Structures are given as C-alpha cells and as structure tokens.
Amino acid sequence: AWSLWRTGRLSDLIDPVLGESAPTSRILKCSHIGLLCVQEDPASRPTMSAIINMLESDSPTLPTPRQPPLVFSNSSSSMTSASDYSKSGSSNSQSLSRLKNSR
C-alpha cells in the first residue's frame, strides 16, 4: 500500500470484486487513513477521535503519511525497514515463519 500511495497509484490496491459496492474515493480515503495509523512513531498516528473526524469529513485534505516501519515488496517477497531500504528481511521472514507454524 505504501509503495502504491507514494507513486500515486493507491487505486491499484482496490480489489475489482468490490465493483460498485463502495465509491472509489471512500476506499482510497480509508486506505490513506490506514497508512496514517501504521506510522512508525506512535505520536504521529491519529487518535481514534481524529480518525472518526477524518471519516466523517467531506474535506479531501488528509495529513501526509510517513513511511511505515516495514514495507513489503511484491516483486521480491522481501521486507525493508524505514531506516534501511537495502536491508534484507530474512530475520523478519524467519520470525513470521515461526509465527505461522505456531498456529
């Protein structure tokens, strides 16, 4: 989602199965708010009351999100952290594997 938002292609995230069940602008707004909620610094994340205000507002202006702490790349199935774009996600992938196996 972050990579799509950064390149102005967040609408590519919308599942075509949704069709006309929800306005595209509403889905994009919710996705944008979601990016605000996963910012690395908790102080930068909106409060629940701010989220409700954003959802209820007709204003098209929302705060600009910062890069989340982890970014997943579809092309290489790897993760990168916000602090080091070139770092491999192998240790995190192992942690995720252990979590999946523990279910």
C-alpha atoms as a PDB file:
ATOM      1  CA  ALA A   1       0.000   0.000   0.000  1.00  0.00           C
ATOM      2  CA  TRP A   2       2.827   2.399   0.857  1.00  0.00           C
ATOM      3  CA  SER A   3       4.570   1.962  -2.495  1.00  0.00           C
ATOM      4  CA  LEU A   4       1.304   2.485  -4.367  1.00  0.00           C
ATOM      5  CA  TRP A   5       0.452   5.598  -2.329  1.00  0.00           C
ATOM      6  CA  ARG A   6       3.945   7.025  -2.901  1.00  0.00           C
ATOM      7  CA  THR A   7       3.610   6.595  -6.658  1.00  0.00           C
ATOM      8  CA  GLY A   8       0.039   7.920  -6.799  1.00  0.00           C
ATOM      9  CA  ARG A   9      -1.400   4.512  -7.674  1.00  0.00           C
ATOM     10  CA  LEU A  10      -3.257   3.653  -4.455  1.00  0.00           C
ATOM     11  CA  SER A  11      -6.335   2.831  -6.539  1.00  0.00           C
ATOM     12  CA  ASP A  12      -4.419  -0.238  -7.815  1.00  0.00           C
ATOM     13  CA  LEU A  13      -4.925  -1.657  -4.324  1.00  0.00           C
ATOM     14  CA  ILE A  14      -8.708  -1.847  -4.733  1.00  0.00           C
ATOM     15  CA  ASP A  15      -9.992  -5.351  -5.367  1.00  0.00           C
ATOM     16  CA  PRO A  16     -12.042  -5.380  -8.600  1.00  0.00           C
ATOM     17  CA  VAL A  17     -14.505  -7.733  -6.893  1.00  0.00           C
ATOM     18  CA  LEU A  18     -15.713  -4.751  -4.879  1.00  0.00           C
ATOM     19  CA  GLY A  19     -17.106  -3.309  -8.100  1.00  0.00           C
ATOM     20  CA  GLU A  20     -19.597  -0.605  -7.334  1.00  0.00           C
ATOM     21  CA  SER A  21     -20.214  -1.712  -3.740  1.00  0.00           C
ATOM     22  CA  ALA A  22     -18.353   1.343  -2.421  1.00  0.00           C
ATOM     23  CA  PRO A  23     -17.236   4.590  -4.031  1.00  0.00           C
ATOM     24  CA  THR A  24     -13.574   4.536  -5.038  1.00  0.00           C
ATOM     25  CA  SER A  25     -12.990   7.832  -3.253  1.00  0.00           C
ATOM     26  CA  ARG A  26     -14.229   6.308   0.024  1.00  0.00           C
ATOM     27  CA  ILE A  27     -11.970   3.245  -0.328  1.00  0.00           C
ATOM     28  CA  LEU A  28      -8.977   5.477  -1.107  1.00  0.00           C
ATOM     29  CA  LYS A  29      -9.768   7.665   1.896  1.00  0.00           C
ATOM     30  CA  CYS A  30      -9.889   4.623   4.194  1.00  0.00           C
ATOM     31  CA  SER A  31      -6.610   3.322   2.739  1.00  0.00           C
ATOM     32  CA  HIS A  32      -4.969   6.721   3.267  1.00  0.00           C
ATOM     33  CA  ILE A  33      -6.169   6.800   6.876  1.00  0.00           C
ATOM     34  CA  GLY A  34      -4.849   3.257   7.315  1.00  0.00           C
ATOM     35  CA  LEU A  35      -1.398   4.456   6.251  1.00  0.00           C
ATOM     36  CA  LEU A  36      -1.610   7.201   8.867  1.00  0.00           C
ATOM     37  CA  CYS A  37      -2.380   4.558  11.506  1.00  0.00           C
ATOM     38  CA  VAL A  38       0.765   2.492  10.846  1.00  0.00           C
ATOM     39  CA  GLN A  39       3.375   5.250  11.039  1.00  0.00           C
ATOM     40  CA  GLU A  40       6.479   4.245  12.977  1.00  0.00           C
ATOM     41  CA  ASP A  41       6.210   6.963  15.628  1.00  0.00           C
ATOM     42  CA  PRO A  42       3.052   6.382  17.688  1.00  0.00           C
ATOM     43  CA  ALA A  43       2.867  10.133  18.352  1.00  0.00           C
ATOM     44  CA  SER A  44       2.425  10.653  14.587  1.00  0.00           C
ATOM     45  CA  ARG A  45      -0.557   8.303  14.407  1.00  0.00           C
ATOM     46  CA  PRO A  46      -4.044   9.814  14.563  1.00  0.00           C
ATOM     47  CA  THR A  47      -6.208   9.328  17.631  1.00  0.00           C
ATOM     48  CA  MET A  48      -9.495   7.463  17.304  1.00  0.00           C
ATOM     49  CA  SER A  49     -11.407  10.738  17.523  1.00  0.00           C
ATOM     50  CA  ALA A  50      -9.238  12.188  14.721  1.00  0.00           C
ATOM     51  CA  ILE A  51      -9.904   9.081  12.619  1.00  0.00           C
ATOM     52  CA  ILE A  52     -13.651   9.445  13.132  1.00  0.00           C
ATOM     53  CA  ASN A  53     -13.431  13.125  12.161  1.00  0.00           C
ATOM     54  CA  MET A  54     -11.463  12.224   9.005  1.00  0.00           C
ATOM     55  CA  LEU A  55     -14.001   9.542   8.056  1.00  0.00           C
ATOM     56  CA  GLU A  56     -16.979  11.820   8.638  1.00  0.00           C
ATOM     57  CA  SER A  57     -15.446  14.869   6.965  1.00  0.00           C
ATOM     58  CA  ASP A  58     -16.143  15.771   3.359  1.00  0.00           C
ATOM     59  CA  SER A  59     -12.778  17.510   3.157  1.00  0.00           C
ATOM     60  CA  PRO A  60     -10.474  15.889   0.601  1.00  0.00           C
ATOM     61  CA  THR A  61      -7.398  17.023   2.557  1.00  0.00           C
ATOM     62  CA  LEU A  62      -5.764  14.467   4.836  1.00  0.00           C
ATOM     63  CA  PRO A  63      -2.365  14.609   6.536  1.00  0.00           C
ATOM     64  CA  THR A  64       0.516  13.163   4.539  1.00  0.00           C
ATOM     65  CA  PRO A  65       1.590   9.807   5.970  1.00  0.00           C
ATOM     66  CA  ARG A  66       5.205   8.965   6.641  1.00  0.00           C
ATOM     67  CA  GLN A  67       6.725   5.683   5.521  1.00  0.00           C
ATOM     68  CA  PRO A  68       5.664   2.770   7.753  1.00  0.00           C
ATOM     69  CA  PRO A  69       8.387   0.915   9.702  1.00  0.00           C
ATOM     70  CA  LEU A  70       8.171  -2.117   7.377  1.00  0.00           C
ATOM     71  CA  VAL A  71       7.473  -2.086   3.669  1.00  0.00           C
ATOM     72  CA  PHE A  72       6.667  -5.356   1.884  1.00  0.00           C
ATOM     73  CA  SER A  73       7.725  -5.651  -1.727  1.00  0.00           C
ATOM     74  CA  ASN A  74       5.595  -7.846  -4.005  1.00  0.00           C
ATOM     75  CA  SER A  75       8.341  -8.297  -6.585  1.00  0.00           C
ATOM     76  CA  SER A  76      10.889  -9.919  -4.295  1.00  0.00           C
ATOM     77  CA  SER A  77       8.720 -11.054  -1.369  1.00  0.00           C
ATOM     78  CA  SER A  78      11.089  -9.226   0.953  1.00  0.00           C
ATOM     79  CA  MET A  79      10.660  -6.637   3.647  1.00  0.00           C
ATOM     80  CA  THR A  80      12.561  -3.426   4.155  1.00  0.00           C
ATOM     81  CA  SER A  81      12.574  -1.207   7.183  1.00  0.00           C
ATOM     82  CA  ALA A  82      12.019   2.509   7.081  1.00  0.00           C
ATOM     83  CA  SER A  83      15.524   3.071   8.405  1.00  0.00           C
ATOM     84  CA  ASP A  84      17.310   0.858   5.884  1.00  0.00           C
ATOM     85  CA  TYR A  85      15.816   0.369   2.420  1.00  0.00           C
ATOM     86  CA  SER A  86      18.541  -2.050   1.334  1.00  0.00           C
ATOM     87  CA  LYS A  87      18.308  -4.346   4.364  1.00  0.00           C
ATOM     88  CA  SER A  88      17.052  -7.863   3.683  1.00  0.00           C
ATOM     89  CA  GLY A  89      14.027  -9.032   5.619  1.00  0.00           C
ATOM     90  CA  SER A  90      15.380 -12.533   6.233  1.00  0.00           C
ATOM     91  CA  SER A  91      15.335 -12.367  10.043  1.00  0.00           C
ATOM     92  CA  ASN A  92      11.809 -10.952   9.985  1.00  0.00           C
ATOM     93  CA  SER A  93      10.772 -13.617   7.452  1.00  0.00           C
ATOM     94  CA  GLN A  94      12.037 -16.285   9.852  1.00  0.00           C
ATOM     95  CA  SER A  95      10.054 -14.721  12.675  1.00  0.00           C
ATOM     96  CA  LEU A  96       6.944 -14.675  10.520  1.00  0.00           C
ATOM     97  CA  SER A  97       7.524 -18.322   9.560  1.00  0.00           C
ATOM     98  CA  ARG A  98       7.773 -19.295  13.205  1.00  0.00           C
ATOM     99  CA  LEU A  99       4.574 -17.391  13.939  1.00  0.00           C
ATOM    100  CA  LYS A 100       2.712 -19.149  11.099  1.00  0.00           C
ATOM    101  CA  ASN A 101       3.978 -22.559  12.249  1.00  0.00           C
ATOM    102  CA  SER A 102       2.848 -21.942  15.820  1.00  0.00           C
ATOM    103  CA  ARG A 103      -0.822 -21.650  14.842  1.00  0.00           C
END
